[in-house]
């Protein structure tokens, strides 16, 4: 099995290609592959299957073996992977995921701009308990004796964005796992704590469903930009400062799509020589 290791702002992945006819099920090996002591080490595994033309199937597996619908940082890595391996012509590709279709475009400076599609705001779409036709802008949560209010958004996967006055006071390792599994979230949820520093800049830390604390989250950054824009805390275009670096996210008024721009880095290529 040939693999390559990539990261988007420190959010790291093992990428591997599958042929159109391959029936290989990688799910049984994901946890060992992602183990940082006995495997390669990563936040997740991503499989890429060429469908036709510039269309590809992308599937993502968290380090705990669960399969999320979408991953923004992985889309940038896969877009640059396709471009460098010359798997298709041009600079823009279509990735079909469980959370919908996204379109990464490799820019001249080597960064990747991804059309992440439209945000989903209704409780039934995210999902969040309650009236499925209502938005989930003020979801009341509690962890470790503290009360929080979340603005929930789906970017193909579910997010709870919590605005705080001081990001340094956030006890992410304590609050994250409790909020992820709150009973209001039937499919669990990714949790973002966000400090607004200006209308064009926020500082964000994330607890990812199925992974824990990660250095960056692309879909979480997109959800944060949408929540900030729609709540009036930020403008439509915002720089998101993450533990691993910066992403630029725009919530476009023209088409209601969210556009994310940032780097992707290939770390190494290899081949597994022992069954994991």
Foldseek 3Di string as FASTA:
>chain_A
DKWFWKWFLQQIEIEDEDEPPDPDDCLVCLLQQQDVPRHVHHQWYWYWYDDDAQEIEIWIAGNLSHTAFDFQGVVFQVQLVCVVVVVHDAFKGWYQTNLGIKIWGQDPVRKIKIFLFAKDFACLVQPFDDDRRDGQQFDWDDFPRDIFTFRWIDSSHIETETEDQDPVPDPQQRGVVVQQVPPRDPVGHKYKYWYQPAQAEIEIWIQDVRRGGGQDTRRRVQRNLVSCCVVVNHPQWHWYQTNSGIKIWGQDPVRRIIMIIGHMDTDGIDDDPDDD
